[in-house]
Amino acid sequence: MIVDTHLSETAEVLIKSICARYKHDEHELINVLHEVQHHLGYLPEEVQQAIADELNIPVAKVYGVVTFYSFFTMVPKGKYNISICLGTACYVRGGELILEEFKRRLNIGVGETSTDGLFSLSSIRCVGACGLAPVVTVGEKVYGRVTPQQVRRIIDEYIKIEEELEIAP
């Protein structure tokens, strides 16, 4: 399989602009990565190479940061990123069961995106809401004390939003 690793002109201009705003300072790498990912949705190899070139640093350094921090991704995410907390409190209170139910209902694994592009699934170590365990986040929205029976309702909530968007003029 041949993969096109060429950046679009728009992406090149965006990366150059963001790096220039940070004065091509390698110490601003995380800020540059956040901003580029915000605009492009993810940080594939060709984007990392362009950032490395602009900041005059080895691409291995960029890759190391991207792969170290869980908030960066090298693959496109779905419109709604569902994260299941598997920190100690959430795990003990059934977080693994919640994760398994999402996997079953969405027919995807952790790190994957549904075929319709709506949902991505990830597990995280702690969201800092241990009193609400088990916790699920969908984007910025936090769901606490989630049970396997609530998983379908959570998914349906976002499917309904999409259906309403299709109907809206």
N, C-alpha and C. Protein backbone atom coordinates (compact mmCIF):
# COMPACT_ATOMS: atom_id res chain seq x y z
N MET A 1 0.84 -1.18 0.00
CA MET A 1 0.00 0.00 0.00
C MET A 1 0.89 1.24 0.00
N ILE A 2 0.62 2.17 -0.88
CA ILE A 2 1.37 3.42 -0.96
C ILE A 2 0.59 4.49 -0.23
N VAL A 3 1.27 5.18 0.68
CA VAL A 3 0.64 6.24 1.46
C VAL A 3 1.22 7.57 1.02
N ASP A 4 0.34 8.53 0.74
CA ASP A 4 0.80 9.87 0.37
C ASP A 4 1.24 10.59 1.63
N THR A 5 2.53 10.87 1.73
CA THR A 5 3.04 11.54 2.92
C THR A 5 3.35 13.01 2.65
N HIS A 6 2.80 13.54 1.56
CA HIS A 6 3.03 14.93 1.21
C HIS A 6 2.02 15.81 1.94
N LEU A 7 2.51 16.88 2.54
CA LEU A 7 1.63 17.83 3.23
C LEU A 7 0.94 18.72 2.21
N SER A 8 -0.29 19.06 2.50
CA SER A 8 -0.98 20.03 1.65
C SER A 8 -0.34 21.39 1.85
N GLU A 9 -0.52 22.25 0.87
CA GLU A 9 0.03 23.60 0.97
C GLU A 9 -0.56 24.33 2.18
N THR A 10 -1.84 24.10 2.43
CA THR A 10 -2.51 24.73 3.57
C THR A 10 -1.87 24.30 4.88
N ALA A 11 -1.58 23.00 5.01
CA ALA A 11 -0.95 22.49 6.24
C ALA A 11 0.46 23.06 6.39
N GLU A 12 1.19 23.15 5.29
CA GLU A 12 2.54 23.71 5.35
C GLU A 12 2.52 25.16 5.83
N VAL A 13 1.60 25.94 5.28
CA VAL A 13 1.49 27.35 5.66
C VAL A 13 1.09 27.46 7.13
N LEU A 14 0.16 26.62 7.55
CA LEU A 14 -0.29 26.63 8.94
C LEU A 14 0.88 26.34 9.89
N ILE A 15 1.64 25.30 9.61
CA ILE A 15 2.76 24.91 10.46
C ILE A 15 3.82 26.02 10.51
N LYS A 16 4.14 26.58 9.36
CA LYS A 16 5.12 27.67 9.31
C LYS A 16 4.62 28.87 10.12
N SER A 17 3.35 29.17 10.01
CA SER A 17 2.76 30.31 10.72
C SER A 17 2.80 30.10 12.24
N ILE A 18 2.43 28.91 12.67
CA ILE A 18 2.41 28.61 14.11
C ILE A 18 3.84 28.64 14.66
N CYS A 19 4.76 28.03 13.97
CA CYS A 19 6.16 28.02 14.44
C CYS A 19 6.72 29.44 14.48
N ALA A 20 6.36 30.25 13.51
CA ALA A 20 6.83 31.65 13.49
C ALA A 20 6.27 32.42 14.68
N ARG A 21 5.00 32.17 15.00
CA ARG A 21 4.38 32.84 16.14
C ARG A 21 5.12 32.51 17.44
N TYR A 22 5.68 31.31 17.51
CA TYR A 22 6.47 30.90 18.67
C TYR A 22 7.96 31.15 18.43
N LYS A 23 8.27 31.98 17.45
CA LYS A 23 9.64 32.41 17.15
C LYS A 23 10.60 31.24 16.89
N HIS A 24 10.06 30.16 16.34
CA HIS A 24 10.85 28.97 15.99
C HIS A 24 11.68 28.48 17.19
N ASP A 25 11.12 28.67 18.39
CA ASP A 25 11.81 28.31 19.63
C ASP A 25 11.51 26.84 19.98
N GLU A 26 12.55 26.03 19.99
CA GLU A 26 12.37 24.60 20.28
C GLU A 26 11.76 24.35 21.65
N HIS A 27 11.91 25.30 22.58
CA HIS A 27 11.33 25.14 23.91
C HIS A 27 9.82 25.31 23.89
N GLU A 28 9.27 25.75 22.78
CA GLU A 28 7.83 25.91 22.61
C GLU A 28 7.21 24.72 21.88
N LEU A 29 7.96 23.62 21.79
CA LEU A 29 7.50 22.46 21.03
C LEU A 29 6.12 21.99 21.45
N ILE A 30 5.87 21.85 22.73
CA ILE A 30 4.56 21.35 23.18
C ILE A 30 3.45 22.32 22.77
N ASN A 31 3.68 23.61 22.90
CA ASN A 31 2.67 24.58 22.48
C ASN A 31 2.42 24.50 20.98
N VAL A 32 3.49 24.37 20.20
CA VAL A 32 3.36 24.24 18.75
C VAL A 32 2.55 22.98 18.42
N LEU A 33 2.90 21.87 19.05
CA LEU A 33 2.18 20.61 18.79
C LEU A 33 0.70 20.73 19.13
N HIS A 34 0.39 21.33 20.28
CA HIS A 34 -1.02 21.52 20.67
C HIS A 34 -1.77 22.31 19.61
N GLU A 35 -1.18 23.41 19.19
CA GLU A 35 -1.87 24.28 18.25
C GLU A 35 -2.03 23.61 16.88
N VAL A 36 -0.99 22.95 16.41
CA VAL A 36 -1.08 22.27 15.12
C VAL A 36 -2.13 21.16 15.20
N GLN A 37 -2.12 20.38 16.26
CA GLN A 37 -3.11 19.30 16.40
C GLN A 37 -4.52 19.88 16.49
N HIS A 38 -4.67 21.01 17.15
CA HIS A 38 -5.99 21.65 17.25
C HIS A 38 -6.54 21.94 15.85
N HIS A 39 -5.67 22.37 14.95
CA HIS A 39 -6.11 22.74 13.59
C HIS A 39 -6.23 21.53 12.66
N LEU A 40 -5.30 20.59 12.77
CA LEU A 40 -5.28 19.46 11.84
C LEU A 40 -5.97 18.21 12.38
N GLY A 41 -6.15 18.15 13.70
CA GLY A 41 -6.82 17.01 14.30
C GLY A 41 -5.89 15.91 14.77
N TYR A 42 -4.70 15.84 14.21
CA TYR A 42 -3.73 14.82 14.61
C TYR A 42 -2.36 15.20 14.09
N LEU A 43 -1.34 14.42 14.46
CA LEU A 43 0.05 14.76 14.13
C LEU A 43 0.74 13.59 13.43
N PRO A 44 0.43 13.37 12.16
CA PRO A 44 1.08 12.28 11.44
C PRO A 44 2.57 12.58 11.21
N GLU A 45 3.30 11.59 10.71
CA GLU A 45 4.74 11.70 10.54
C GLU A 45 5.16 12.92 9.73
N GLU A 46 4.46 13.19 8.63
CA GLU A 46 4.86 14.31 7.78
C GLU A 46 4.68 15.66 8.48
N VAL A 47 3.71 15.75 9.37
CA VAL A 47 3.51 16.98 10.15
C VAL A 47 4.64 17.11 11.17
N GLN A 48 5.00 16.00 11.81
CA GLN A 48 6.09 16.03 12.78
C GLN A 48 7.40 16.44 12.10
N GLN A 49 7.62 15.94 10.89
CA GLN A 49 8.84 16.29 10.15
C GLN A 49 8.85 17.78 9.84
N ALA A 50 7.72 18.32 9.42
CA ALA A 50 7.64 19.75 9.09
C ALA A 50 7.89 20.61 10.33
N ILE A 51 7.35 20.19 11.46
CA ILE A 51 7.57 20.93 12.72
C ILE A 51 9.04 20.87 13.10
N ALA A 52 9.62 19.68 13.00
CA ALA A 52 11.05 19.53 13.32
C ALA A 52 11.89 20.44 12.44
N ASP A 53 11.58 20.48 11.15
CA ASP A 53 12.32 21.34 10.22
C ASP A 53 12.19 22.81 10.62
N GLU A 54 10.98 23.23 10.95
CA GLU A 54 10.73 24.63 11.30
C GLU A 54 11.42 25.04 12.61
N LEU A 55 11.48 24.10 13.56
CA LEU A 55 12.09 24.40 14.87
C LEU A 55 13.57 24.04 14.89
N ASN A 56 14.05 23.48 13.77
CA ASN A 56 15.46 23.09 13.65
C ASN A 56 15.88 22.11 14.76
N ILE A 57 15.05 21.08 14.94
CA ILE A 57 15.33 20.03 15.91
C ILE A 57 15.16 18.67 15.23
N PRO A 58 15.74 17.62 15.79
CA PRO A 58 15.58 16.29 15.19
C PRO A 58 14.11 15.83 15.25
N VAL A 59 13.66 15.19 14.20
CA VAL A 59 12.29 14.68 14.18
C VAL A 59 12.08 13.67 15.32
N ALA A 60 13.15 12.99 15.75
CA ALA A 60 13.04 12.04 16.86
C ALA A 60 12.59 12.73 18.15
N LYS A 61 13.01 13.97 18.33
CA LYS A 61 12.59 14.73 19.52
C LYS A 61 11.09 15.02 19.46
N VAL A 62 10.62 15.42 18.29
CA VAL A 62 9.19 15.69 18.10
C VAL A 62 8.40 14.41 18.34
N TYR A 63 8.84 13.33 17.71
CA TYR A 63 8.18 12.03 17.85
C TYR A 63 8.16 11.59 19.32
N GLY A 64 9.25 11.79 20.02
CA GLY A 64 9.32 11.42 21.44
C GLY A 64 8.28 12.15 22.28
N VAL A 65 8.08 13.42 22.01
CA VAL A 65 7.09 14.20 22.75
C VAL A 65 5.68 13.75 22.36
N VAL A 66 5.44 13.56 21.07
CA VAL A 66 4.11 13.16 20.60
C VAL A 66 3.71 11.81 21.19
N THR A 67 4.65 10.88 21.25
CA THR A 67 4.32 9.55 21.75
C THR A 67 4.33 9.46 23.28
N PHE A 68 4.97 10.42 23.94
CA PHE A 68 5.02 10.40 25.41
C PHE A 68 3.72 10.89 26.02
N TYR A 69 3.18 11.97 25.50
CA TYR A 69 1.99 12.58 26.07
C TYR A 69 0.72 12.03 25.44
N SER A 70 -0.20 11.60 26.28
CA SER A 70 -1.41 10.94 25.79
C SER A 70 -2.37 11.88 25.06
N PHE A 71 -2.22 13.19 25.23
CA PHE A 71 -3.15 14.10 24.56
C PHE A 71 -2.77 14.35 23.10
N PHE A 72 -1.61 13.86 22.68
CA PHE A 72 -1.25 13.96 21.27
C PHE A 72 -1.58 12.65 20.57
N THR A 73 -1.95 12.74 19.31
CA THR A 73 -2.28 11.54 18.55
C THR A 73 -1.68 11.60 17.15
N MET A 74 -1.27 10.45 16.67
CA MET A 74 -0.70 10.34 15.33
C MET A 74 -1.72 9.81 14.32
N VAL A 75 -2.90 9.48 14.80
CA VAL A 75 -3.96 8.97 13.92
C VAL A 75 -5.20 9.84 14.08
N PRO A 76 -5.99 9.97 13.02
CA PRO A 76 -7.20 10.79 13.12
C PRO A 76 -8.14 10.22 14.18
N LYS A 77 -8.77 11.12 14.91
CA LYS A 77 -9.74 10.73 15.93
C LYS A 77 -11.14 10.96 15.40
N GLY A 78 -12.08 10.30 16.04
CA GLY A 78 -13.47 10.52 15.70
C GLY A 78 -13.93 11.89 16.19
N LYS A 79 -15.09 12.27 15.75
CA LYS A 79 -15.65 13.56 16.17
C LYS A 79 -15.82 13.60 17.68
N TYR A 80 -16.19 12.47 18.26
CA TYR A 80 -16.37 12.38 19.71
C TYR A 80 -15.37 11.38 20.28
N ASN A 81 -14.44 11.89 21.07
CA ASN A 81 -13.43 11.02 21.68
C ASN A 81 -13.93 10.56 23.04
N ILE A 82 -14.17 9.29 23.17
CA ILE A 82 -14.65 8.71 24.42
C ILE A 82 -13.45 8.14 25.17
N SER A 83 -13.24 8.61 26.40
CA SER A 83 -12.14 8.12 27.23
C SER A 83 -12.70 7.50 28.50
N ILE A 84 -12.27 6.30 28.79
CA ILE A 84 -12.69 5.60 29.99
C ILE A 84 -11.52 5.61 30.97
N CYS A 85 -11.78 6.10 32.17
CA CYS A 85 -10.75 6.15 33.18
C CYS A 85 -10.51 4.75 33.74
N LEU A 86 -9.25 4.37 33.78
CA LEU A 86 -8.86 3.09 34.38
C LEU A 86 -7.89 3.30 35.53
N GLY A 87 -7.95 4.50 36.13
CA GLY A 87 -7.18 4.75 37.34
C GLY A 87 -7.68 3.83 38.45
N THR A 88 -7.00 3.78 39.55
CA THR A 88 -7.32 2.83 40.62
C THR A 88 -8.78 2.87 41.04
N ALA A 89 -9.30 4.04 41.40
CA ALA A 89 -10.69 4.13 41.87
C ALA A 89 -11.67 3.68 40.80
N CYS A 90 -11.46 4.13 39.57
CA CYS A 90 -12.37 3.76 38.49
C CYS A 90 -12.26 2.27 38.15
N TYR A 91 -11.05 1.76 38.16
CA TYR A 91 -10.85 0.34 37.86
C TYR A 91 -11.55 -0.54 38.89
N VAL A 92 -11.34 -0.20 40.16
CA VAL A 92 -11.94 -0.99 41.25
C VAL A 92 -13.47 -0.95 41.19
N ARG A 93 -14.01 0.17 40.72
CA ARG A 93 -15.47 0.33 40.66
C ARG A 93 -16.06 -0.06 39.31
N GLY A 94 -15.30 -0.77 38.48
CA GLY A 94 -15.87 -1.32 37.25
C GLY A 94 -15.48 -0.63 35.96
N GLY A 95 -14.45 0.16 35.97
CA GLY A 95 -14.02 0.86 34.76
C GLY A 95 -13.75 -0.08 33.60
N GLU A 96 -13.16 -1.22 33.88
CA GLU A 96 -12.85 -2.19 32.82
C GLU A 96 -14.14 -2.71 32.17
N LEU A 97 -15.19 -2.91 32.97
CA LEU A 97 -16.47 -3.36 32.42
C LEU A 97 -17.09 -2.28 31.52
N ILE A 98 -16.93 -1.03 31.91
CA ILE A 98 -17.43 0.08 31.11
C ILE A 98 -16.69 0.11 29.77
N LEU A 99 -15.37 -0.02 29.83
CA LEU A 99 -14.56 -0.03 28.61
C LEU A 99 -15.00 -1.16 27.68
N GLU A 100 -15.18 -2.35 28.23
CA GLU A 100 -15.58 -3.50 27.42
C GLU A 100 -16.94 -3.27 26.76
N GLU A 101 -17.85 -2.62 27.46
CA GLU A 101 -19.18 -2.34 26.90
C GLU A 101 -19.08 -1.32 25.76
N PHE A 102 -18.26 -0.30 25.91
CA PHE A 102 -18.06 0.65 24.81
C PHE A 102 -17.45 -0.06 23.61
N LYS A 103 -16.46 -0.90 23.84
CA LYS A 103 -15.82 -1.64 22.75
C LYS A 103 -16.85 -2.50 22.02
N ARG A 104 -17.69 -3.16 22.79
CA ARG A 104 -18.71 -4.04 22.20
C ARG A 104 -19.73 -3.24 21.39
N ARG A 105 -20.22 -2.18 21.97
CA ARG A 105 -21.28 -1.39 21.31
C ARG A 105 -20.77 -0.62 20.09
N LEU A 106 -19.54 -0.14 20.15
CA LEU A 106 -18.99 0.63 19.03
C LEU A 106 -18.26 -0.25 18.02
N ASN A 107 -18.01 -1.49 18.42
CA ASN A 107 -17.30 -2.45 17.59
C ASN A 107 -15.90 -1.94 17.19
N ILE A 108 -15.22 -1.35 18.18
CA ILE A 108 -13.85 -0.87 17.98
C ILE A 108 -13.04 -1.18 19.23
N GLY A 109 -11.74 -1.15 19.09
CA GLY A 109 -10.84 -1.34 20.22
C GLY A 109 -10.30 -0.01 20.71
N VAL A 110 -9.54 -0.06 21.77
CA VAL A 110 -8.90 1.13 22.30
C VAL A 110 -7.92 1.66 21.25
N GLY A 111 -7.98 2.97 21.01
CA GLY A 111 -7.12 3.59 20.01
C GLY A 111 -7.70 3.58 18.62
N GLU A 112 -8.89 3.04 18.46
CA GLU A 112 -9.51 2.95 17.15
C GLU A 112 -10.65 3.96 17.01
N THR A 113 -11.08 4.14 15.77
CA THR A 113 -12.17 5.05 15.45
C THR A 113 -13.26 4.27 14.73
N SER A 114 -14.50 4.57 15.04
CA SER A 114 -15.62 3.87 14.40
C SER A 114 -15.62 4.15 12.90
N THR A 115 -16.18 3.23 12.13
CA THR A 115 -16.15 3.34 10.67
C THR A 115 -16.86 4.60 10.17
N ASP A 116 -17.82 5.10 10.92
CA ASP A 116 -18.53 6.32 10.51
C ASP A 116 -17.77 7.59 10.89
N GLY A 117 -16.63 7.42 11.59
CA GLY A 117 -15.81 8.56 11.97
C GLY A 117 -16.35 9.36 13.15
N LEU A 118 -17.40 8.86 13.78
CA LEU A 118 -18.00 9.61 14.89
C LEU A 118 -17.27 9.41 16.21
N PHE A 119 -16.87 8.17 16.52
CA PHE A 119 -16.35 7.87 17.84
C PHE A 119 -14.93 7.31 17.82
N SER A 120 -14.12 7.78 18.75
CA SER A 120 -12.81 7.19 19.03
C SER A 120 -12.85 6.72 20.46
N LEU A 121 -12.09 5.70 20.75
CA LEU A 121 -12.10 5.12 22.09
C LEU A 121 -10.69 5.09 22.67
N SER A 122 -10.57 5.57 23.90
CA SER A 122 -9.27 5.52 24.57
C SER A 122 -9.48 5.24 26.05
N SER A 123 -8.41 4.79 26.67
CA SER A 123 -8.43 4.63 28.12
C SER A 123 -7.40 5.59 28.69
N ILE A 124 -7.70 6.13 29.84
CA ILE A 124 -6.80 7.07 30.49
C ILE A 124 -6.58 6.63 31.92
N ARG A 125 -5.56 7.14 32.54
CA ARG A 125 -5.19 6.69 33.89
C ARG A 125 -5.93 7.42 35.01
N CYS A 126 -6.23 8.68 34.85
CA CYS A 126 -6.96 9.38 35.91
C CYS A 126 -7.46 10.72 35.37
N VAL A 127 -8.69 11.05 35.69
CA VAL A 127 -9.22 12.36 35.30
C VAL A 127 -9.36 13.28 36.51
N GLY A 128 -9.01 12.76 37.69
CA GLY A 128 -9.07 13.58 38.90
C GLY A 128 -10.47 13.71 39.48
N ALA A 129 -11.32 12.77 39.15
CA ALA A 129 -12.69 12.80 39.67
C ALA A 129 -13.00 11.46 40.34
N CYS A 130 -12.10 11.02 41.20
CA CYS A 130 -12.19 9.69 41.81
C CYS A 130 -13.49 9.48 42.60
N GLY A 131 -14.04 10.54 43.15
CA GLY A 131 -15.29 10.43 43.88
C GLY A 131 -16.47 10.08 42.99
N LEU A 132 -16.31 10.23 41.68
CA LEU A 132 -17.37 9.93 40.72
C LEU A 132 -17.13 8.61 40.00
N ALA A 133 -16.16 7.84 40.44
CA ALA A 133 -15.77 6.61 39.75
C ALA A 133 -16.93 5.62 39.60
N PRO A 134 -16.93 4.91 38.47
CA PRO A 134 -16.08 5.04 37.30
C PRO A 134 -16.49 6.22 36.42
N VAL A 135 -15.49 6.84 35.80
CA VAL A 135 -15.69 8.07 35.03
C VAL A 135 -15.42 7.83 33.54
N VAL A 136 -16.26 8.46 32.72
CA VAL A 136 -16.11 8.45 31.28
C VAL A 136 -16.13 9.91 30.83
N THR A 137 -15.27 10.26 29.91
CA THR A 137 -15.35 11.59 29.32
C THR A 137 -15.61 11.45 27.83
N VAL A 138 -16.42 12.35 27.32
CA VAL A 138 -16.65 12.46 25.88
C VAL A 138 -16.32 13.90 25.55
N GLY A 139 -15.15 14.08 24.94
CA GLY A 139 -14.66 15.45 24.76
C GLY A 139 -14.42 16.07 26.12
N GLU A 140 -15.06 17.18 26.37
CA GLU A 140 -14.91 17.88 27.65
C GLU A 140 -15.97 17.48 28.68
N LYS A 141 -16.97 16.72 28.25
CA LYS A 141 -18.08 16.35 29.14
C LYS A 141 -17.70 15.13 29.99
N VAL A 142 -17.97 15.22 31.29
CA VAL A 142 -17.63 14.16 32.23
C VAL A 142 -18.90 13.44 32.68
N TYR A 143 -18.86 12.12 32.62
CA TYR A 143 -19.96 11.28 33.10
C TYR A 143 -19.44 10.52 34.31
N GLY A 144 -20.11 10.63 35.44
CA GLY A 144 -19.67 9.95 36.65
C GLY A 144 -20.59 8.81 37.05
N ARG A 145 -20.02 7.89 37.83
CA ARG A 145 -20.73 6.72 38.33
C ARG A 145 -21.43 5.95 37.19
N VAL A 146 -20.69 5.78 36.12
CA VAL A 146 -21.23 5.13 34.92
C VAL A 146 -21.36 3.63 35.15
N THR A 147 -22.44 3.09 34.67
CA THR A 147 -22.66 1.64 34.71
C THR A 147 -22.67 1.12 33.28
N PRO A 148 -22.44 -0.17 33.09
CA PRO A 148 -22.50 -0.73 31.72
C PRO A 148 -23.86 -0.46 31.05
N GLN A 149 -24.91 -0.40 31.83
CA GLN A 149 -26.24 -0.16 31.28
C GLN A 149 -26.39 1.27 30.73
N GLN A 150 -25.56 2.20 31.17
CA GLN A 150 -25.64 3.59 30.71
C GLN A 150 -24.84 3.84 29.43
N VAL A 151 -24.03 2.91 29.04
CA VAL A 151 -23.16 3.09 27.88
C VAL A 151 -23.98 3.36 26.63
N ARG A 152 -25.02 2.59 26.40
CA ARG A 152 -25.86 2.78 25.21
C ARG A 152 -26.47 4.18 25.21
N ARG A 153 -26.92 4.65 26.35
CA ARG A 153 -27.54 5.97 26.45
C ARG A 153 -26.52 7.06 26.10
N ILE A 154 -25.29 6.90 26.57
CA ILE A 154 -24.24 7.89 26.28
C ILE A 154 -23.97 7.94 24.78
N ILE A 155 -23.82 6.79 24.16
CA ILE A 155 -23.58 6.74 22.71
C ILE A 155 -24.76 7.35 21.96
N ASP A 156 -25.97 6.96 22.34
CA ASP A 156 -27.17 7.46 21.68
C ASP A 156 -27.32 8.98 21.78
N GLU A 157 -26.83 9.54 22.87
CA GLU A 157 -26.88 11.00 23.06
C GLU A 157 -26.14 11.71 21.92
N TYR A 158 -25.01 11.17 21.52
CA TYR A 158 -24.20 11.79 20.47
C TYR A 158 -24.73 11.45 19.08
N ILE A 159 -25.30 10.28 18.93
CA ILE A 159 -25.93 9.93 17.65
C ILE A 159 -27.12 10.85 17.41
N LYS A 160 -27.87 11.14 18.46
CA LYS A 160 -29.01 12.05 18.35
C LYS A 160 -28.54 13.46 17.94
N ILE A 161 -27.45 13.93 18.50
CA ILE A 161 -26.90 15.24 18.14
C ILE A 161 -26.60 15.25 16.64
N GLU A 162 -25.99 14.19 16.15
CA GLU A 162 -25.64 14.11 14.72
C GLU A 162 -26.89 14.09 13.86
N GLU A 163 -27.91 13.36 14.28
CA GLU A 163 -29.16 13.31 13.53
C GLU A 163 -29.81 14.68 13.47
N GLU A 164 -29.78 15.41 14.58
CA GLU A 164 -30.36 16.75 14.62
C GLU A 164 -29.57 17.70 13.73
N LEU A 165 -28.26 17.55 13.66
CA LEU A 165 -27.45 18.38 12.77
C LEU A 165 -27.79 18.15 11.30
N GLU A 166 -28.13 16.91 10.96
CA GLU A 166 -28.48 16.58 9.57
C GLU A 166 -29.82 17.20 9.19
N ILE A 167 -30.73 17.32 10.16
CA ILE A 167 -32.06 17.85 9.90
C ILE A 167 -32.04 19.37 9.86
N ALA A 168 -31.18 19.99 10.64
CA ALA A 168 -31.14 21.46 10.75
C ALA A 168 -30.85 22.09 9.38
N PRO A 169 -31.53 23.22 9.10
CA PRO A 169 -31.34 23.88 7.81
C PRO A 169 -29.97 24.53 7.71
